[in-house]
Amino acid sequence: MLKLYNTLTKGKEIFKPLKKGVVTMYNCGLTVYDYASIGNLRAFTFADVLRRYLEYKGLAVKQVMNFTDVGHMFQDVDIGEDRMEAAARREKKDPWSIAEFYIKAFLEDAQKMGFEEPMARPRATDHISEMMELVQRLIDRGYAYVVNGSVYFDVSKFKDYGKLSGNTIEKLKLGAGGKVEFNPDKRNQFDFALWINDPRHIMNWKSPWCEKGYPGWHIECSAMAMKYLGETIDIHTGGVDNIFPHHENEIAQSEAATGKKFVNYWLHNEHLLVEGQRMGRSLRNIYTLRDIMAKDYDPKVLRFLLLSTHYRQQLNFTFEGLKAAKNAIDRLVNFVRRLTQADGKGCGEEIKLLMNRVQKDFEKAMDDDLNMGHVLAALFDFVRDVNKFMDDNLLGKEEAEEVYKLMMRFDKVLGVIGEVKRRRELPKEAEELIRRREEARMAKDWETADKIREQLKAMGVIIEDTPQGVKWRLEKR
C-alpha cells in the first residue's frame, strides 16, 4: 500500500483517495517572470514522478498545475514589488508579453523534461472572477474585511491557523514567522491580503472594493484548485518554501470559505542546493534547463539527477553529479538496447525469479513515500544480474522481450530511458564485411580488420569483440 509523508500530520500515511480509482492533485506552478530554474524543475519532476506512479498503480490522476502571472511579491509579502512588474521593467515589455514568453519557454522545458501534461494549466489572470467570488464569500462569512479598497483575511478568526507550518498566531507574535512590514490598514499584522487596491500597479481589475486592484498570491491557488478539482482535493504539492505563508494561507481561506477540509495530503519537496549553496542571483548560481543543455547534457540526465535523491532530502547539484547521472542513464539505455539483440539459450526459472524480485523491490520502495534510492539500487542490481546472463549467452529472445517490457514499465514512472529502437536487420553487405573482418583477425591482419571496422561504423554498424565472439549493434539514429 502506498504511504506518503503528509506535512499536515508530520508522518507517513496510507494513501486513500476521496474517490475510488481517481486522484485529484494540485501542483503549485511557476511564477512566469523568468525561466524555470533547476530548483523549480526539481519540484515539477517530483510531481511528475508522483503522478506517474499513481497511474502505474492503476489510478486515474486529475492533475492541475497553475501559472502565476500576477500578484506574487518578492519575499512573499503583501507590500512590495510584484515579480511580473519587475520583469516588465527589466525587459522593457508589458507583463502580459512577459507571461506569454515565459509560459511558452516553460512548456518547451516541460516537454524536454518528459513531464506528463496535466489536465489543466490555469493562468491566474484568466480566473480573476473566481477569485473575486471567493473573496466576497470570505467577507460574507466574517473571515475577511475591507479597508481602503483592499481586502484582508483575519487570521484570528480561523482557529486552526498554523496547523500546517506550526506558525500559530502566538508564535508569529513572538517572531517565529519572521518580521512583518507594518501596515496600518490591518487589524493584525499577520493578516494577509486577498485583494490589493493599487491604481499604480500595471496589471489591475475593477472589483466591488476598488476601481483598480489585483489579487493576492494565495487566493489565486485556492480559486483555481477548487474550480478544477473541487472543494476538497487529495494531494497538494510544492516546495518547502511554500509551506509558510503560501500553503498555510491557502488552507485558512479555503476552509474558511467552504467549511470543509481543503487538502488531505500535503507533500513538499526540499530545497535544491548548487555546489553546497542556496541558489541566488547574487551568487550567479541559478541554472536553467537551457544552461544544462548548453553544456551538451540531455534533459533526461537532469531529470535523473533531480529524481535520484529522495524528494524530502536536500539535493546538492554539482556538475560531477550530472556526469554521474549521464553515466547511469547510458548504462540503462545500453542495457535496454542490448536486450533487443539477445538471443541466447534461455535462463528458465532464474530470469523469472529475478524479474519478480526487482518488481517487488521497485514497488515496495515506491510505496514507501517514493524511496528513490532503494528503487535505483534494486534496478541497477537487476541490470547487473541480467547483463551477466547476456554475457554468458543465456538470455533467450523471448525472455529478453519480457525483461524489456518490464524495464519500459518501470520507465513509465521514471521517464529517463525513453524509446530505444529495436534491433534492425543487418544489411547483407555488412554481413559480408563482418565475415571478412573475422578472417582478417584470424590471420592477425589487424590493419585490414581495423579498416573494415571503420567501414562498418560508417554504415552505422558498431562491432564489439567479446569473449563469446563478435557482436554487433546498429547505431541509434
Protein backbone atom coordinates (compact mmCIF):
# COMPACT_ATOMS: atom_id res chain seq x y z
CA MET A 1 0.00 0.00 0.00
CA LEU A 2 1.28 3.45 -0.93
CA LYS A 3 2.39 5.55 2.03
CA LEU A 4 3.11 9.26 1.65
CA TYR A 5 4.60 11.73 4.12
CA ASN A 6 1.89 14.27 4.95
CA THR A 7 3.28 17.63 6.04
CA LEU A 8 -0.04 18.31 7.77
CA THR A 9 0.24 15.34 10.14
CA LYS A 10 4.06 15.14 10.17
CA GLY A 11 4.09 11.43 9.33
CA LYS A 12 3.68 8.79 6.66
CA GLU A 13 0.09 7.80 5.96
CA ILE A 14 -1.53 5.16 3.78
CA PHE A 15 -2.83 6.99 0.74
CA LYS A 16 -6.56 6.67 0.18
CA PRO A 17 -8.15 8.90 -2.48
CA LEU A 18 -11.50 10.53 -1.85
CA LYS A 19 -12.99 8.73 -4.83
CA LYS A 20 -12.05 5.13 -5.57
CA GLY A 21 -9.75 4.87 -8.55
CA VAL A 22 -9.37 8.65 -9.03
CA VAL A 23 -6.82 11.09 -7.58
CA THR A 24 -7.14 14.88 -7.60
CA MET A 25 -3.78 16.64 -7.41
CA TYR A 26 -2.83 20.32 -7.47
CA ASN A 27 0.77 21.40 -8.01
CA CYS A 28 1.92 24.95 -7.31
CA GLY A 29 3.29 26.02 -10.66
CA LEU A 30 5.73 28.59 -11.98
CA THR A 31 5.58 32.34 -11.46
CA VAL A 32 6.24 33.28 -15.05
CA TYR A 33 8.59 36.25 -14.68
CA ASP A 34 11.71 34.29 -15.71
CA TYR A 35 12.86 30.90 -16.95
CA ALA A 36 12.27 27.95 -14.64
CA SER A 37 15.36 27.24 -12.55
CA ILE A 38 16.60 23.72 -11.90
CA GLY A 39 15.20 24.22 -8.39
CA ASN A 40 11.74 24.77 -9.90
CA LEU A 41 12.30 21.74 -12.11
CA ARG A 42 13.04 19.59 -9.08
CA ALA A 43 9.57 20.36 -7.69
CA PHE A 44 7.94 19.60 -11.04
CA THR A 45 9.96 16.40 -11.53
CA PHE A 46 8.78 15.19 -8.12
CA ALA A 47 5.17 15.98 -9.01
CA ASP A 48 5.55 14.19 -12.34
CA VAL A 49 7.05 11.03 -10.79
CA LEU A 50 4.27 11.00 -8.18
CA ARG A 51 1.61 11.32 -10.88
CA ARG A 52 3.26 8.58 -12.97
CA TYR A 53 3.45 6.17 -10.03
CA LEU A 54 -0.18 6.75 -9.11
CA GLU A 55 -1.02 5.83 -12.71
CA TYR A 56 1.31 2.81 -12.50
CA LYS A 57 -0.90 1.64 -9.62
CA GLY A 58 -3.96 1.90 -11.84
CA LEU A 59 -5.31 5.23 -10.61
CA ALA A 60 -6.66 7.98 -12.87
CA VAL A 61 -4.98 11.26 -11.94
CA LYS A 62 -6.66 14.62 -12.40
CA GLN A 63 -3.62 16.88 -12.20
CA VAL A 64 -3.73 20.68 -12.25
CA MET A 65 -0.62 22.89 -12.33
CA ASN A 66 -1.10 26.65 -12.47
CA PHE A 67 0.82 29.58 -13.87
CA THR A 68 1.13 32.64 -11.61
CA ASP A 69 1.20 35.73 -13.80
CA VAL A 70 0.21 38.43 -11.29
CA GLY A 71 0.30 39.13 -7.57
CA HIS A 72 3.38 37.19 -6.43
CA MET A 73 5.54 39.64 -4.49
CA PHE A 74 9.23 39.29 -3.77
CA GLN A 75 9.73 37.87 -0.25
CA ASP A 76 6.13 36.52 -0.46
CA VAL A 77 4.65 39.53 1.37
CA ASP A 78 1.69 41.84 0.71
CA ILE A 79 3.65 45.05 0.22
CA GLY A 80 6.41 45.46 -2.32
CA GLU A 81 7.08 44.81 -5.95
CA ASP A 82 5.20 42.22 -7.98
CA ARG A 83 7.61 39.87 -9.75
CA MET A 84 5.76 40.40 -13.01
CA GLU A 85 6.16 44.17 -12.72
CA ALA A 86 9.86 43.77 -12.00
CA ALA A 87 10.30 41.56 -15.08
CA ALA A 88 8.38 44.06 -17.23
CA ARG A 89 10.69 46.85 -16.11
CA ARG A 90 13.79 44.67 -16.57
CA GLU A 91 12.89 43.64 -20.11
CA LYS A 92 11.06 46.84 -21.12
CA LYS A 93 7.93 44.92 -22.08
CA ASP A 94 4.40 44.76 -20.75
CA PRO A 95 3.74 41.99 -18.18
CA TRP A 96 1.31 40.19 -20.48
CA SER A 97 4.08 39.73 -23.05
CA ILE A 98 6.45 38.63 -20.29
CA ALA A 99 3.95 35.98 -19.17
CA GLU A 100 3.39 34.72 -22.73
CA PHE A 101 7.12 34.41 -23.37
CA TYR A 102 7.98 32.52 -20.18
CA ILE A 103 4.90 30.27 -20.32
CA LYS A 104 5.97 29.22 -23.83
CA ALA A 105 9.53 28.68 -22.58
CA PHE A 106 8.33 26.58 -19.66
CA LEU A 107 6.11 24.41 -21.84
CA GLU A 108 9.16 23.72 -24.02
CA ASP A 109 11.13 22.80 -20.87
CA ALA A 110 8.32 20.57 -19.64
CA GLN A 111 8.26 18.65 -22.91
CA LYS A 112 12.03 18.21 -22.92
CA MET A 113 11.98 17.04 -19.29
CA GLY A 114 9.35 14.45 -20.16
CA PHE A 115 6.64 15.83 -17.86
CA GLU A 116 3.20 14.36 -18.44
CA GLU A 117 0.71 17.02 -19.44
CA PRO A 118 -1.70 17.97 -16.63
CA MET A 119 -5.45 18.00 -17.06
CA ALA A 120 -5.28 21.81 -16.86
CA ARG A 121 -2.67 24.57 -16.65
CA PRO A 122 -4.77 27.55 -15.50
CA ARG A 123 -3.38 31.09 -15.54
CA ALA A 124 -4.18 33.34 -12.61
CA THR A 125 -5.22 36.25 -14.83
CA ASP A 126 -7.84 34.05 -16.52
CA HIS A 127 -9.55 33.40 -13.18
CA ILE A 128 -10.00 36.86 -11.67
CA SER A 129 -13.80 36.47 -11.43
CA GLU A 130 -13.45 33.22 -9.47
CA MET A 131 -11.04 34.94 -7.09
CA MET A 132 -13.42 37.86 -6.54
CA GLU A 133 -16.26 35.43 -5.79
CA LEU A 134 -14.11 33.60 -3.25
CA VAL A 135 -13.04 36.87 -1.60
CA GLN A 136 -16.65 38.02 -1.35
CA ARG A 137 -17.60 34.67 0.17
CA LEU A 138 -14.97 35.19 2.88
CA ILE A 139 -16.23 38.71 3.57
CA ASP A 140 -19.82 37.44 3.84
CA ARG A 141 -18.74 34.71 6.27
CA GLY A 142 -16.91 37.19 8.51
CA TYR A 143 -13.38 35.97 7.82
CA ALA A 144 -12.29 38.96 5.73
CA TYR A 145 -12.61 42.74 5.98
CA VAL A 146 -12.27 45.70 3.61
CA VAL A 147 -10.08 48.72 4.37
CA ASN A 148 -9.36 51.50 1.84
CA GLY A 149 -10.34 49.27 -1.07
CA SER A 150 -8.11 46.34 -0.06
CA VAL A 151 -9.39 43.10 1.45
CA TYR A 152 -7.58 41.19 4.20
CA PHE A 153 -8.10 37.78 5.77
CA ASP A 154 -8.46 37.95 9.55
CA VAL A 155 -6.24 35.12 10.79
CA SER A 156 -7.61 35.45 14.34
CA LYS A 157 -11.00 34.21 13.06
CA PHE A 158 -9.55 30.93 11.79
CA LYS A 159 -8.87 28.86 14.89
CA ASP A 160 -6.65 26.28 13.15
CA TYR A 161 -4.25 28.82 11.68
CA GLY A 162 -0.72 27.39 11.78
CA LYS A 163 -1.70 23.72 11.64
CA LEU A 164 0.44 23.07 8.54
CA SER A 165 3.57 25.08 9.31
CA GLY A 166 3.41 25.30 13.10
CA ASN A 167 3.39 29.10 12.81
CA THR A 168 0.42 29.76 15.06
CA ILE A 169 -0.59 33.35 15.77
CA GLU A 170 1.06 33.10 19.20
CA LYS A 171 4.37 32.00 17.67
CA LEU A 172 4.15 34.64 14.97
CA LYS A 173 3.75 37.33 17.62
CA LEU A 174 6.91 36.02 19.28
CA GLY A 175 8.79 36.31 15.99
CA ALA A 176 8.76 32.70 14.78
CA GLY A 177 7.39 33.74 11.43
CA GLY A 178 9.90 36.49 10.77
CA LYS A 179 9.43 40.24 10.62
CA VAL A 180 6.31 41.68 9.03
CA GLU A 181 6.26 45.11 7.44
CA PHE A 182 3.78 47.32 9.32
CA ASN A 183 0.51 48.00 7.51
CA PRO A 184 -1.86 50.41 9.32
CA ASP A 185 -4.87 49.01 7.44
CA LYS A 186 -4.56 45.57 9.02
CA ARG A 187 -6.32 44.60 12.24
CA ASN A 188 -3.50 42.16 12.89
CA GLN A 189 -0.12 42.45 11.20
CA PHE A 190 -0.24 38.74 10.31
CA ASP A 191 -3.48 39.11 8.38
CA PHE A 192 -2.85 38.63 4.67
CA ALA A 193 -4.14 40.36 1.56
CA LEU A 194 -6.84 38.76 -0.54
CA TRP A 195 -7.26 41.78 -2.83
CA ILE A 196 -4.93 44.79 -3.08
CA ASN A 197 -6.06 48.29 -4.01
CA ASP A 198 -3.22 49.77 -6.07
CA PRO A 199 -4.02 52.06 -9.04
CA ARG A 200 -0.29 52.25 -9.84
CA HIS A 201 0.03 48.52 -10.43
CA ILE A 202 0.48 47.87 -14.14
CA MET A 203 -1.96 44.92 -14.02
CA ASN A 204 -5.31 45.80 -12.42
CA TRP A 205 -9.00 44.97 -12.45
CA LYS A 206 -12.15 46.69 -11.25
CA SER A 207 -13.62 44.94 -8.21
CA PRO A 208 -16.50 45.51 -5.77
CA TRP A 209 -13.94 47.05 -3.37
CA CYS A 210 -11.87 49.35 -5.57
CA GLU A 211 -11.55 50.67 -9.13
CA LYS A 212 -8.06 49.33 -9.76
CA GLY A 213 -6.67 46.39 -7.83
CA TYR A 214 -5.25 42.90 -8.17
CA PRO A 215 -5.46 39.59 -6.27
CA GLY A 216 -3.17 38.40 -3.52
CA TRP A 217 -0.98 35.45 -4.44
CA HIS A 218 -2.59 32.98 -2.00
CA ILE A 219 -6.19 33.44 -3.14
CA GLU A 220 -5.19 32.57 -6.70
CA CYS A 221 -4.27 28.96 -5.97
CA SER A 222 -7.34 28.33 -3.82
CA ALA A 223 -9.66 29.64 -6.51
CA MET A 224 -8.02 27.65 -9.30
CA ALA A 225 -7.66 24.42 -7.30
CA MET A 226 -11.31 24.44 -6.24
CA LYS A 227 -12.60 25.36 -9.70
CA TYR A 228 -10.93 22.40 -11.39
CA LEU A 229 -10.74 19.82 -8.61
CA GLY A 230 -13.48 20.59 -6.08
CA GLU A 231 -13.60 21.98 -2.54
CA THR A 232 -11.62 19.06 -1.09
CA ILE A 233 -8.73 17.57 -3.02
CA ASP A 234 -6.49 14.58 -2.44
CA ILE A 235 -2.95 15.91 -2.91
CA HIS A 236 -1.33 19.34 -2.99
CA THR A 237 2.40 19.63 -3.73
CA GLY A 238 5.03 22.35 -3.66
CA GLY A 239 8.46 23.21 -2.34
CA VAL A 240 9.15 23.51 1.39
CA ASP A 241 9.38 27.28 0.92
CA ASN A 242 5.65 27.23 0.05
CA ILE A 243 4.61 25.77 3.42
CA PHE A 244 4.53 29.22 5.01
CA PRO A 245 2.96 31.55 4.24
CA HIS A 246 1.51 30.35 0.93
CA HIS A 247 0.08 26.94 1.77
CA GLU A 248 -0.84 27.91 5.32
CA ASN A 249 -2.88 30.78 3.92
CA GLU A 250 -4.42 28.60 1.23
CA ILE A 251 -5.74 26.29 3.94
CA ALA A 252 -7.11 29.15 6.03
CA GLN A 253 -9.00 30.92 3.25
CA SER A 254 -10.23 27.73 1.54
CA GLU A 255 -11.55 26.05 4.68
CA ALA A 256 -13.00 29.31 5.98
CA ALA A 257 -14.91 29.72 2.71
CA THR A 258 -16.23 26.16 2.42
CA GLY A 259 -16.28 24.77 5.95
CA LYS A 260 -14.58 21.66 4.52
CA LYS A 261 -11.09 20.24 4.67
CA PHE A 262 -9.16 21.69 1.74
CA VAL A 263 -6.44 19.04 1.15
CA ASN A 264 -5.98 15.55 2.57
CA TYR A 265 -2.28 15.08 1.76
CA TRP A 266 0.24 17.92 1.65
CA LEU A 267 3.54 16.88 0.03
CA HIS A 268 6.61 19.11 -0.07
CA ASN A 269 9.98 18.66 -1.72
CA GLU A 270 13.17 20.00 -0.13
CA HIS A 271 15.47 22.71 -1.49
CA LEU A 272 17.96 22.22 -4.27
CA LEU A 273 21.44 23.47 -3.43
CA VAL A 274 24.09 24.32 -6.01
CA GLU A 275 27.62 23.32 -5.05
CA GLY A 276 26.51 23.36 -1.40
CA GLN A 277 24.86 26.81 -1.52
CA ARG A 278 21.31 28.09 -1.89
CA MET A 279 20.62 29.39 -5.38
CA GLY A 280 20.69 33.15 -5.72
CA ARG A 281 21.22 35.79 -8.39
CA SER A 282 23.88 37.48 -6.28
CA LEU A 283 25.83 34.20 -6.27
CA ARG A 284 25.25 33.73 -10.00
CA ASN A 285 24.45 30.09 -9.44
CA ILE A 286 20.93 29.90 -10.83
CA TYR A 287 20.87 27.37 -13.65
CA THR A 288 18.09 26.68 -16.13
CA LEU A 289 17.49 23.71 -18.39
CA ARG A 290 18.92 25.78 -21.22
CA ASP A 291 22.16 26.21 -19.29
CA ILE A 292 22.38 22.45 -18.75
CA MET A 293 21.68 21.69 -22.41
CA ALA A 294 24.29 24.25 -23.49
CA LYS A 295 26.85 22.02 -21.77
CA ASP A 296 25.75 19.12 -24.01
CA TYR A 297 23.63 17.28 -21.46
CA ASP A 298 20.35 15.68 -22.49
CA PRO A 299 17.36 16.88 -20.41
CA LYS A 300 16.83 13.28 -19.26
CA VAL A 301 20.20 13.48 -17.49
CA LEU A 302 18.96 16.42 -15.41
CA ARG A 303 15.69 14.58 -14.78
CA PHE A 304 17.61 11.54 -13.50
CA LEU A 305 19.72 13.68 -11.18
CA LEU A 306 16.67 15.54 -9.82
CA LEU A 307 14.73 12.36 -9.03
CA SER A 308 17.70 10.33 -7.76
CA THR A 309 17.63 11.83 -4.25
CA HIS A 310 14.55 11.40 -2.03
CA TYR A 311 12.26 14.36 -2.54
CA ARG A 312 12.26 15.22 1.19
CA GLN A 313 16.05 15.47 1.31
CA GLN A 314 18.07 18.45 0.13
CA LEU A 315 19.76 17.75 -3.19
CA ASN A 316 23.17 19.25 -3.84
CA PHE A 317 23.53 19.92 -7.57
CA THR A 318 27.07 19.60 -8.92
CA PHE A 319 28.38 19.05 -12.42
CA GLU A 320 30.16 15.95 -11.16
CA GLY A 321 26.75 14.68 -10.10
CA LEU A 322 25.42 15.49 -13.56
CA LYS A 323 28.23 13.44 -15.13
CA ALA A 324 27.37 10.53 -12.84
CA ALA A 325 23.70 10.83 -13.86
CA LYS A 326 24.71 10.68 -17.53
CA ASN A 327 26.73 7.53 -16.90
CA ALA A 328 23.78 5.96 -15.08
CA ILE A 329 21.37 6.71 -17.94
CA ASP A 330 23.88 5.45 -20.51
CA ARG A 331 24.07 2.21 -18.55
CA LEU A 332 20.28 1.83 -18.57
CA VAL A 333 19.90 2.71 -22.26
CA ASN A 334 22.71 0.38 -23.31
CA PHE A 335 21.15 -2.39 -21.23
CA VAL A 336 17.75 -1.98 -22.86
CA ARG A 337 19.31 -1.79 -26.31
CA ARG A 338 21.27 -4.95 -25.57
CA LEU A 339 18.01 -6.71 -24.65
CA THR A 340 16.73 -6.13 -28.18
CA GLN A 341 19.69 -8.12 -29.51
CA ALA A 342 19.72 -11.01 -27.01
CA ASP A 343 19.15 -14.47 -28.49
CA GLY A 344 20.73 -16.91 -26.03
CA LYS A 345 19.99 -20.46 -24.90
CA GLY A 346 17.48 -19.46 -22.22
CA CYS A 347 17.63 -18.98 -18.42
CA GLY A 348 14.39 -20.68 -17.40
CA GLU A 349 13.22 -20.01 -13.84
CA GLU A 350 16.23 -17.90 -12.89
CA ILE A 351 15.21 -14.92 -15.01
CA LYS A 352 11.61 -15.16 -13.81
CA LEU A 353 12.79 -15.08 -10.20
CA LEU A 354 14.96 -12.04 -10.91
CA MET A 355 12.08 -10.22 -12.60
CA ASN A 356 9.66 -10.99 -9.77
CA ARG A 357 12.18 -9.79 -7.20
CA VAL A 358 13.01 -6.49 -8.93
CA GLN A 359 9.32 -5.70 -9.46
CA LYS A 360 8.58 -6.42 -5.82
CA ASP A 361 11.54 -4.29 -4.68
CA PHE A 362 10.60 -1.46 -7.06
CA GLU A 363 7.03 -1.30 -5.82
CA LYS A 364 7.97 -1.71 -2.16
CA ALA A 365 10.39 1.22 -2.39
CA MET A 366 7.98 3.44 -4.33
CA ASP A 367 5.18 2.60 -1.89
CA ASP A 368 7.45 3.82 0.91
CA ASP A 369 6.99 7.54 0.18
CA LEU A 370 8.74 7.25 -3.21
CA ASN A 371 12.04 5.96 -1.79
CA MET A 372 14.03 6.53 -4.95
CA GLY A 373 17.37 5.49 -3.50
CA HIS A 374 16.08 1.95 -2.94
CA VAL A 375 14.34 1.96 -6.33
CA LEU A 376 17.54 2.75 -8.20
CA ALA A 377 19.63 0.31 -6.15
CA ALA A 378 17.21 -2.51 -6.98
CA LEU A 379 17.11 -1.51 -10.64
CA PHE A 380 20.88 -1.43 -11.12
CA ASP A 381 21.31 -4.74 -9.27
CA PHE A 382 18.84 -6.22 -11.75
CA VAL A 383 20.72 -4.71 -14.71
CA ARG A 384 23.98 -6.21 -13.43
CA ASP A 385 22.48 -9.68 -12.99
CA VAL A 386 20.74 -9.75 -16.38
CA ASN A 387 23.87 -8.45 -18.11
CA LYS A 388 25.71 -11.45 -16.67
CA PHE A 389 23.15 -13.75 -18.29
CA MET A 390 23.67 -11.98 -21.61
CA ASP A 391 27.46 -12.14 -21.24
CA ASP A 392 27.11 -15.91 -20.89
CA ASN A 393 24.72 -16.07 -23.89
CA LEU A 394 21.97 -17.46 -21.65
CA LEU A 395 19.14 -14.92 -22.04
CA GLY A 396 16.69 -16.17 -24.65
CA LYS A 397 14.97 -13.90 -27.16
CA GLU A 398 11.51 -14.29 -25.59
CA GLU A 399 12.96 -13.81 -22.09
CA ALA A 400 14.74 -10.66 -23.23
CA GLU A 401 11.43 -9.37 -24.59
CA GLU A 402 9.79 -9.84 -21.18
CA VAL A 403 12.66 -8.07 -19.44
CA TYR A 404 12.39 -5.26 -21.99
CA LYS A 405 8.67 -4.85 -21.26
CA LEU A 406 9.36 -4.75 -17.52
CA MET A 407 12.03 -2.07 -17.94
CA MET A 408 9.65 0.01 -20.05
CA ARG A 409 7.00 -0.34 -17.34
CA PHE A 410 9.47 0.96 -14.75
CA ASP A 411 10.40 3.77 -17.11
CA LYS A 412 6.77 4.84 -17.34
CA VAL A 413 7.38 6.00 -13.76
CA LEU A 414 10.98 7.20 -14.00
CA GLY A 415 10.91 8.69 -17.50
CA VAL A 416 14.67 8.53 -18.03
CA ILE A 417 15.23 5.82 -20.66
CA GLY A 418 12.74 6.75 -23.33
CA GLU A 419 12.24 4.96 -26.61
CA VAL A 420 15.02 2.59 -27.57
CA LYS A 421 14.77 1.47 -31.17
CA ARG A 422 14.50 -2.26 -31.63
CA ARG A 423 17.19 -4.19 -33.46
CA ARG A 424 17.00 -3.71 -37.19
CA GLU A 425 18.13 -6.23 -39.76
CA LEU A 426 21.81 -6.23 -40.59
CA PRO A 427 22.43 -5.20 -44.23
CA LYS A 428 23.73 -8.03 -46.42
CA GLU A 429 26.89 -6.11 -47.31
CA ALA A 430 27.56 -5.63 -43.58
CA GLU A 431 27.26 -9.39 -43.02
CA GLU A 432 29.93 -9.95 -45.68
CA LEU A 433 32.21 -7.30 -44.15
CA ILE A 434 31.88 -8.87 -40.69
CA ARG A 435 32.82 -12.26 -42.18
CA ARG A 436 35.85 -10.78 -43.93
CA ARG A 437 36.92 -8.97 -40.77
CA GLU A 438 36.78 -12.22 -38.79
CA GLU A 439 39.02 -13.85 -41.43
CA ALA A 440 41.46 -10.94 -41.15
CA ARG A 441 41.52 -11.24 -37.37
CA MET A 442 42.13 -14.98 -37.58
CA ALA A 443 45.10 -14.21 -39.87
CA LYS A 444 46.22 -11.49 -37.41
CA ASP A 445 45.86 -8.92 -40.20
CA TRP A 446 44.92 -6.17 -37.74
CA GLU A 447 45.25 -3.36 -40.28
CA THR A 448 42.60 -4.90 -42.56
CA ALA A 449 40.39 -5.72 -39.56
CA ASP A 450 40.56 -2.10 -38.36
CA LYS A 451 39.75 -0.74 -41.82
CA ILE A 452 36.69 -3.00 -42.06
CA ARG A 453 35.58 -1.89 -38.57
CA GLU A 454 35.68 1.74 -39.80
CA GLN A 455 33.73 0.78 -42.95
CA LEU A 456 31.07 -0.83 -40.79
CA LYS A 457 30.95 2.17 -38.47
CA ALA A 458 30.36 4.45 -41.46
CA MET A 459 27.39 2.20 -42.31
CA GLY A 460 26.05 2.61 -38.78
CA VAL A 461 27.12 -0.86 -37.60
CA ILE A 462 29.06 -0.95 -34.33
CA ILE A 463 31.25 -4.02 -33.73
CA GLU A 464 32.10 -5.37 -30.27
CA ASP A 465 34.62 -8.16 -29.75
CA THR A 466 33.57 -10.21 -26.70
CA PRO A 467 34.76 -13.50 -25.15
CA GLN A 468 31.67 -15.08 -26.71
CA GLY A 469 32.59 -13.83 -30.17
CA VAL A 470 31.86 -10.77 -32.29
CA LYS A 471 28.64 -8.88 -31.55
CA TRP A 472 27.10 -6.02 -33.45
CA ARG A 473 24.54 -3.30 -32.91
CA LEU A 474 23.10 -0.65 -35.17
CA GLU A 475 23.95 2.91 -34.18
CA LYS A 476 20.99 4.89 -32.87
CA ARG A 477 19.88 7.43 -35.47
